[in-house]
Amino acid sequence: MTRSHFLHLSSPLISHFLGEKQKKGGDGMSIINADVIREAAAAVGVSSLRDDCAMSLAADAEYRLREIVQDALNFKRHSRRRKLTTSDM
């Protein structure tokens, strides 16, 4: 495997999913926001998406992404490795 297949634990994304707060404007950093959901909806042909729906979908998508990363970190830990690989995901 090449070096690009490994995700270091010092990555800001991983530290965010591990619950370490990164201050940016007073509250925690959001990985998926409503704008990303609106752009994805527009790409598949949904022209009008209400703000509350976009915010709700963003929160749900971020929750599910956090679950995936948490499970991948558990796979890494149970394999007694120090680096998170793409196969863990």
C-alpha atoms as a PDB file:
ATOM      1  CA  MET A   1       0.000   0.000   0.000  1.00  0.00           C
ATOM      2  CA  THR A   2       1.118   3.482  -0.669  1.00  0.00           C
ATOM      3  CA  ARG A   3       1.449   6.087   2.015  1.00  0.00           C
ATOM      4  CA  SER A   4      -1.736   7.831   0.817  1.00  0.00           C
ATOM      5  CA  HIS A   5      -3.807   4.831   1.970  1.00  0.00           C
ATOM      6  CA  PHE A   6      -3.119   5.655   5.594  1.00  0.00           C
ATOM      7  CA  LEU A   7      -4.895   8.292   7.633  1.00  0.00           C
ATOM      8  CA  HIS A   8      -2.832   9.537  10.528  1.00  0.00           C
ATOM      9  CA  LEU A   9      -4.461   9.953  13.914  1.00  0.00           C
ATOM     10  CA  SER A  10      -3.137  13.502  14.057  1.00  0.00           C
ATOM     11  CA  SER A  11      -5.471  14.406  11.210  1.00  0.00           C
ATOM     12  CA  PRO A  12      -7.914  17.216  12.109  1.00  0.00           C
ATOM     13  CA  LEU A  13     -10.789  15.119  10.752  1.00  0.00           C
ATOM     14  CA  ILE A  14     -10.004  12.204  13.060  1.00  0.00           C
ATOM     15  CA  SER A  15      -9.490  14.434  16.085  1.00  0.00           C
ATOM     16  CA  HIS A  16     -12.855  16.050  15.329  1.00  0.00           C
ATOM     17  CA  PHE A  17     -14.566  12.653  15.230  1.00  0.00           C
ATOM     18  CA  LEU A  18     -12.859  11.632  18.439  1.00  0.00           C
ATOM     19  CA  GLY A  19     -14.652  14.496  20.160  1.00  0.00           C
ATOM     20  CA  GLU A  20     -11.857  17.006  20.473  1.00  0.00           C
ATOM     21  CA  LYS A  21     -13.416  20.442  20.106  1.00  0.00           C
ATOM     22  CA  GLN A  22     -11.828  22.744  17.592  1.00  0.00           C
ATOM     23  CA  LYS A  23     -12.895  26.296  18.223  1.00  0.00           C
ATOM     24  CA  LYS A  24     -13.975  28.083  15.100  1.00  0.00           C
ATOM     25  CA  GLY A  25     -16.346  30.946  15.645  1.00  0.00           C
ATOM     26  CA  GLY A  26     -17.306  29.837  19.144  1.00  0.00           C
ATOM     27  CA  ASP A  27     -18.819  26.432  18.441  1.00  0.00           C
ATOM     28  CA  GLY A  28     -17.532  23.095  17.176  1.00  0.00           C
ATOM     29  CA  MET A  29     -16.573  22.547  13.571  1.00  0.00           C
ATOM     30  CA  SER A  30     -19.235  20.919  11.414  1.00  0.00           C
ATOM     31  CA  ILE A  31     -18.080  18.504   8.721  1.00  0.00           C
ATOM     32  CA  ILE A  32     -21.316  18.416   6.747  1.00  0.00           C
ATOM     33  CA  ASN A  33     -23.414  21.567   6.677  1.00  0.00           C
ATOM     34  CA  ALA A  34     -26.707  22.476   5.028  1.00  0.00           C
ATOM     35  CA  ASP A  35     -24.958  24.044   2.001  1.00  0.00           C
ATOM     36  CA  VAL A  36     -23.318  20.713   1.132  1.00  0.00           C
ATOM     37  CA  ILE A  37     -26.714  18.997   1.336  1.00  0.00           C
ATOM     38  CA  ARG A  38     -28.320  21.664  -0.886  1.00  0.00           C
ATOM     39  CA  GLU A  39     -25.561  21.234  -3.499  1.00  0.00           C
ATOM     40  CA  ALA A  40     -25.965  17.452  -3.449  1.00  0.00           C
ATOM     41  CA  ALA A  41     -29.733  17.811  -3.793  1.00  0.00           C
ATOM     42  CA  ALA A  42     -29.319  20.181  -6.743  1.00  0.00           C
ATOM     43  CA  ALA A  43     -26.935  17.708  -8.394  1.00  0.00           C
ATOM     44  CA  VAL A  44     -29.598  14.973  -8.366  1.00  0.00           C
ATOM     45  CA  GLY A  45     -32.386  17.280  -9.543  1.00  0.00           C
ATOM     46  CA  VAL A  46     -34.056  18.487  -6.339  1.00  0.00           C
ATOM     47  CA  SER A  47     -34.543  22.170  -7.053  1.00  0.00           C
ATOM     48  CA  SER A  48     -36.177  23.393  -3.855  1.00  0.00           C
ATOM     49  CA  LEU A  49     -35.059  22.068  -0.479  1.00  0.00           C
ATOM     50  CA  ARG A  50     -36.253  23.857   2.650  1.00  0.00           C
ATOM     51  CA  ASP A  51     -33.635  25.103   5.093  1.00  0.00           C
ATOM     52  CA  ASP A  52     -34.930  23.012   7.983  1.00  0.00           C
ATOM     53  CA  CYS A  53     -34.832  19.868   5.827  1.00  0.00           C
ATOM     54  CA  ALA A  54     -31.271  20.599   4.701  1.00  0.00           C
ATOM     55  CA  MET A  55     -30.158  21.184   8.294  1.00  0.00           C
ATOM     56  CA  SER A  56     -31.835  17.991   9.479  1.00  0.00           C
ATOM     57  CA  LEU A  57     -30.286  15.929   6.673  1.00  0.00           C
ATOM     58  CA  ALA A  58     -26.859  17.452   7.379  1.00  0.00           C
ATOM     59  CA  ALA A  59     -27.086  16.543  11.056  1.00  0.00           C
ATOM     60  CA  ASP A  60     -28.148  12.985  10.214  1.00  0.00           C
ATOM     61  CA  ALA A  61     -25.402  12.527   7.610  1.00  0.00           C
ATOM     62  CA  GLU A  62     -22.767  13.829  10.026  1.00  0.00           C
ATOM     63  CA  TYR A  63     -24.011  11.464  12.749  1.00  0.00           C
ATOM     64  CA  ARG A  64     -23.776   8.475  10.404  1.00  0.00           C
ATOM     65  CA  LEU A  65     -20.297   9.523   9.250  1.00  0.00           C
ATOM     66  CA  ARG A  66     -19.193   9.748  12.880  1.00  0.00           C
ATOM     67  CA  GLU A  67     -20.476   6.208  13.466  1.00  0.00           C
ATOM     68  CA  ILE A  68     -18.497   4.894  10.484  1.00  0.00           C
ATOM     69  CA  VAL A  69     -15.283   6.560  11.658  1.00  0.00           C
ATOM     70  CA  GLN A  70     -15.803   5.320  15.213  1.00  0.00           C
ATOM     71  CA  ASP A  71     -16.271   1.740  13.978  1.00  0.00           C
ATOM     72  CA  ALA A  72     -13.179   2.045  11.769  1.00  0.00           C
ATOM     73  CA  LEU A  73     -11.152   3.224  14.763  1.00  0.00           C
ATOM     74  CA  ASN A  74     -12.379   0.196  16.712  1.00  0.00           C
ATOM     75  CA  PHE A  75     -11.288  -2.129  13.873  1.00  0.00           C
ATOM     76  CA  LYS A  76      -7.869  -0.486  13.916  1.00  0.00           C
ATOM     77  CA  ARG A  77      -7.599  -0.779  17.675  1.00  0.00           C
ATOM     78  CA  HIS A  78      -8.647  -4.448  17.707  1.00  0.00           C
ATOM     79  CA  SER A  79      -6.072  -5.179  15.016  1.00  0.00           C
ATOM     80  CA  ARG A  80      -3.455  -3.549  17.258  1.00  0.00           C
ATOM     81  CA  ARG A  81      -2.366  -1.129  14.588  1.00  0.00           C
ATOM     82  CA  ARG A  82      -1.405   2.504  14.986  1.00  0.00           C
ATOM     83  CA  LYS A  83      -2.587   3.693  11.565  1.00  0.00           C
ATOM     84  CA  LEU A  84      -6.103   3.793  10.212  1.00  0.00           C
ATOM     85  CA  THR A  85      -6.303   2.218   6.751  1.00  0.00           C
ATOM     86  CA  THR A  86      -8.894   2.434   4.022  1.00  0.00           C
ATOM     87  CA  SER A  87      -9.823  -1.199   4.651  1.00  0.00           C
ATOM     88  CA  ASP A  88     -10.934  -0.213   8.167  1.00  0.00           C
ATOM     89  CA  MET A  89     -13.519   2.101   6.678  1.00  0.00           C
END
